[in-house]
Amino acid sequence: MSDQARRSAFARTMGEHRELRDPKALRALTHPVRLRLLQALVLEGPLTATAAAEIIGETATTCSFHFRQLKKYGFVEDDAPPGGRERPWRLARMDHTIPGRTGEPDVDLASSALVGLFLEHYIGELREWWRRSPSYPPDWQEAAGFTDMVLFVTPAELTELRAELYQPPARYTDRIEDPSLRPPGARPVRMLVSTYLIEPGGQGPGDLA
């Protein structure tokens, strides 16, 4: 694929954020194999079911089935050229957002289940990184790590802060679609920014008015 074609494809995926409000679409993501397939597409680009199977350790039949389910709800698309014998899959877009509490029971239940799956996935990745980190070069060990701080802010200030934190990493997102933009030594890195209220002694929210 040419650089121009890659950038065009990337532009299609990075449009206005799509909030997932369809319970069926949310539940379609609530499967560990599908989550791993989507991550493989982010890291490796378009993949056939056979190639994906080698990466995530599943059978090609299993990957093919889950790719079709992901396509059904608009998460991946067929990337096969006309007349091609192979059938690679690519991300349809990369800007989905999971809604918070909507007041719609079906949406909130599916959203909660999906967030729970993501949390388990991220915690697993962190544990695996910590286990393997001594085997990496010192510069990577020093660059990666944890940052923990407590801030006293209002909801409006926290919303503004999250928006500010997102801006710096955004300048690197075009490297996902276009490998030629990655400098030598670049590796895929997960950056998690999590903000949540803490209560002394694990108490409930109390009076937040």
Protein backbone atom coordinates (compact mmCIF):
# COMPACT_ATOMS: atom_id res chain seq x y z
CA MET A 1 0.00 0.00 0.00
CA SER A 2 1.36 3.45 -0.91
CA ASP A 3 1.97 6.13 1.73
CA GLN A 4 -0.88 8.19 0.28
CA ALA A 5 -3.25 5.22 0.42
CA ARG A 6 -2.23 4.48 4.01
CA ARG A 7 -2.87 8.06 5.09
CA SER A 8 -6.22 8.07 3.29
CA ALA A 9 -7.22 4.84 5.06
CA PHE A 10 -6.07 6.28 8.37
CA ALA A 11 -8.15 9.41 7.83
CA ARG A 12 -11.22 7.23 7.37
CA THR A 13 -10.63 5.55 10.70
CA MET A 14 -9.89 8.72 12.65
CA GLY A 15 -13.03 10.73 12.00
CA GLU A 16 -15.51 11.96 14.56
CA HIS A 17 -15.68 9.71 17.62
CA ARG A 18 -18.33 7.03 17.43
CA GLU A 19 -19.99 6.40 20.77
CA LEU A 20 -21.12 2.81 21.08
CA ARG A 21 -24.77 2.96 22.16
CA ASP A 22 -25.93 -0.29 20.55
CA PRO A 23 -25.99 -3.04 23.22
CA LYS A 24 -25.41 -5.69 20.54
CA ALA A 25 -22.30 -3.90 19.26
CA LEU A 26 -21.00 -3.49 22.81
CA ARG A 27 -21.58 -7.18 23.56
CA ALA A 28 -19.87 -8.10 20.28
CA LEU A 29 -16.63 -6.73 21.74
CA THR A 30 -17.03 -8.55 25.04
CA HIS A 31 -14.95 -11.53 24.01
CA PRO A 32 -11.23 -11.99 24.75
CA VAL A 33 -10.44 -13.38 21.29
CA ARG A 34 -12.02 -10.37 19.56
CA LEU A 35 -10.13 -7.98 21.78
CA ARG A 36 -6.87 -9.73 20.93
CA LEU A 37 -7.72 -9.67 17.22
CA LEU A 38 -8.35 -5.93 17.30
CA GLN A 39 -5.07 -5.38 19.12
CA ALA A 40 -3.26 -7.52 16.54
CA LEU A 41 -4.68 -5.33 13.75
CA VAL A 42 -3.51 -2.20 15.56
CA LEU A 43 0.01 -3.57 15.99
CA GLU A 44 0.45 -5.49 12.74
CA GLY A 45 -1.92 -3.88 10.24
CA PRO A 46 -4.22 -5.88 7.90
CA LEU A 47 -4.16 -9.61 8.66
CA THR A 48 -5.71 -12.74 7.25
CA ALA A 49 -7.37 -15.13 9.67
CA THR A 50 -4.40 -17.46 9.24
CA ALA A 51 -1.84 -14.75 10.04
CA ALA A 52 -3.90 -13.54 13.00
CA ALA A 53 -4.15 -17.09 14.32
CA GLU A 54 -0.37 -17.38 14.43
CA ILE A 55 -0.12 -14.12 16.40
CA ILE A 56 -2.81 -14.72 19.02
CA GLY A 57 -2.50 -18.51 19.32
CA GLU A 58 -5.95 -19.50 18.05
CA THR A 59 -7.06 -21.48 15.00
CA ALA A 60 -7.67 -19.80 11.67
CA THR A 61 -11.28 -21.00 11.79
CA THR A 62 -11.80 -19.34 15.16
CA CYS A 63 -10.24 -16.09 13.95
CA SER A 64 -12.29 -16.11 10.76
CA PHE A 65 -15.51 -16.50 12.76
CA HIS A 66 -14.66 -13.66 15.13
CA PHE A 67 -13.53 -11.39 12.29
CA ARG A 68 -16.93 -11.86 10.66
CA GLN A 69 -18.68 -10.98 13.92
CA LEU A 70 -16.55 -7.85 14.27
CA LYS A 71 -17.39 -6.88 10.70
CA LYS A 72 -21.10 -7.29 11.40
CA TYR A 73 -20.94 -4.43 13.89
CA GLY A 74 -18.56 -2.19 11.97
CA PHE A 75 -15.30 -2.79 13.84
CA VAL A 76 -13.33 -4.38 10.98
CA GLU A 77 -13.68 -4.50 7.22
CA ASP A 78 -12.53 -6.71 4.37
CA ASP A 79 -9.23 -5.42 2.98
CA ALA A 80 -8.94 -7.92 0.11
CA PRO A 81 -8.11 -6.47 -3.32
CA PRO A 82 -10.56 -7.29 -6.14
CA GLY A 83 -9.93 -10.80 -7.40
CA GLY A 84 -7.51 -11.60 -4.59
CA ARG A 85 -7.41 -15.12 -3.19
CA GLU A 86 -6.48 -14.09 0.35
CA ARG A 87 -8.87 -12.25 2.64
CA PRO A 88 -7.07 -9.81 4.93
CA TRP A 89 -9.00 -7.80 7.49
CA ARG A 90 -8.32 -4.24 8.66
CA LEU A 91 -9.72 -1.92 11.32
CA ALA A 92 -12.76 -0.05 10.09
CA ARG A 93 -12.10 2.83 12.48
CA MET A 94 -10.11 3.58 15.63
CA ASP A 95 -12.18 6.19 17.41
CA HIS A 96 -14.87 4.30 19.29
CA THR A 97 -15.85 5.48 22.76
CA ILE A 98 -17.68 3.51 25.43
CA PRO A 99 -20.51 5.50 27.03
CA GLY A 100 -20.74 6.14 30.74
CA ARG A 101 -24.02 5.75 32.58
CA THR A 102 -26.78 6.45 30.06
CA GLY A 103 -29.84 5.45 32.07
CA GLU A 104 -30.62 2.78 29.47
CA PRO A 105 -30.33 -0.58 31.29
CA ASP A 106 -29.30 -2.65 28.25
CA VAL A 107 -26.65 -0.14 27.19
CA ASP A 108 -25.28 0.33 30.71
CA LEU A 109 -25.09 -3.42 31.38
CA ALA A 110 -23.27 -4.12 28.09
CA SER A 111 -20.98 -1.12 28.60
CA SER A 112 -20.10 -2.22 32.14
CA ALA A 113 -19.26 -5.73 30.96
CA LEU A 114 -17.03 -4.37 28.19
CA VAL A 115 -15.19 -1.98 30.51
CA GLY A 116 -14.64 -4.89 32.92
CA LEU A 117 -13.09 -6.93 30.11
CA PHE A 118 -10.79 -4.05 29.14
CA LEU A 119 -9.70 -3.60 32.76
CA GLU A 120 -8.84 -7.29 33.08
CA HIS A 121 -6.94 -7.13 29.79
CA TYR A 122 -4.94 -4.06 30.81
CA ILE A 123 -4.15 -5.43 34.27
CA GLY A 124 -2.96 -8.64 32.63
CA GLU A 125 -0.71 -6.70 30.28
CA LEU A 126 0.74 -4.71 33.17
CA ARG A 127 1.46 -7.83 35.17
CA GLU A 128 3.10 -9.49 32.17
CA TRP A 129 5.23 -6.41 31.48
CA TRP A 130 6.36 -6.26 35.11
CA ARG A 131 7.28 -9.95 35.00
CA ARG A 132 9.27 -9.59 31.77
CA SER A 133 10.71 -6.08 32.30
CA PRO A 134 14.12 -7.27 33.60
CA SER A 135 14.76 -8.87 30.21
CA TYR A 136 14.43 -5.56 28.34
CA PRO A 137 17.28 -3.07 27.73
CA PRO A 138 17.85 -0.54 30.53
CA ASP A 139 16.56 2.40 28.45
CA TRP A 140 13.17 0.72 28.01
CA GLN A 141 13.02 -0.23 31.67
CA GLU A 142 13.65 3.39 32.63
CA ALA A 143 11.23 4.83 30.05
CA ALA A 144 8.29 2.65 31.07
CA GLY A 145 6.77 2.80 34.52
CA PHE A 146 3.99 4.06 36.74
CA THR A 147 3.00 7.57 37.77
CA ASP A 148 0.64 8.03 40.70
CA MET A 149 -0.62 11.33 42.09
CA VAL A 150 -3.58 12.69 44.02
CA LEU A 151 -5.27 15.91 42.82
CA PHE A 152 -8.08 17.94 44.36
CA VAL A 153 -10.14 19.08 41.37
CA THR A 154 -13.72 19.77 40.31
CA PRO A 155 -15.49 17.66 37.65
CA ALA A 156 -14.99 20.47 35.11
CA GLU A 157 -11.27 20.70 35.91
CA LEU A 158 -10.87 16.92 35.64
CA THR A 159 -12.61 16.89 32.25
CA GLU A 160 -10.25 19.62 31.02
CA LEU A 161 -7.23 17.78 32.41
CA ARG A 162 -8.14 14.56 30.61
CA ALA A 163 -8.48 16.46 27.33
CA GLU A 164 -5.04 18.02 27.85
CA LEU A 165 -3.46 14.65 28.60
CA TYR A 166 -4.85 13.17 25.38
CA GLN A 167 -3.36 15.82 23.09
CA PRO A 168 0.38 14.94 23.30
CA PRO A 169 -0.03 11.21 22.45
CA ALA A 170 -2.36 12.06 19.54
CA ARG A 171 0.57 13.24 17.44
CA TYR A 172 1.86 9.67 17.30
CA THR A 173 -1.35 7.97 16.16
CA ASP A 174 -0.59 8.22 12.44
CA ARG A 175 2.28 5.78 13.01
CA ILE A 176 -0.29 3.04 13.59
CA GLU A 177 -1.42 3.05 9.95
CA ASP A 178 1.85 4.12 8.36
CA PRO A 179 4.88 2.10 9.56
CA SER A 180 7.21 4.31 7.50
CA LEU A 181 6.62 7.11 10.02
CA ARG A 182 8.01 5.05 12.90
CA PRO A 183 11.59 6.04 13.80
CA PRO A 184 14.21 3.34 14.34
CA GLY A 185 13.75 1.68 17.71
CA ALA A 186 10.05 2.52 18.02
CA ARG A 187 8.01 -0.16 19.77
CA PRO A 188 4.27 -0.43 20.51
CA VAL A 189 3.53 1.03 23.94
CA ARG A 190 0.25 1.10 25.84
CA MET A 191 -0.42 4.40 27.61
CA LEU A 192 -3.21 4.25 30.19
CA VAL A 193 -4.64 7.40 31.74
CA SER A 194 -7.15 6.52 34.43
CA THR A 195 -8.89 9.07 36.64
CA TYR A 196 -11.20 8.11 39.49
CA LEU A 197 -12.35 9.37 42.87
CA ILE A 198 -10.78 8.01 46.03
CA GLU A 199 -12.46 8.01 49.42
CA PRO A 200 -10.73 7.80 52.83
CA GLY A 201 -11.12 4.34 54.27
CA GLY A 202 -12.91 3.10 51.17
CA GLN A 203 -16.09 4.95 52.05
CA GLY A 204 -18.88 5.61 49.57
CA PRO A 205 -19.30 8.85 47.62
CA GLY A 206 -21.10 10.66 50.46
CA ASP A 207 -22.17 14.23 49.75
CA LEU A 208 -20.65 15.28 46.40
CA ALA A 209 -22.89 18.30 45.90
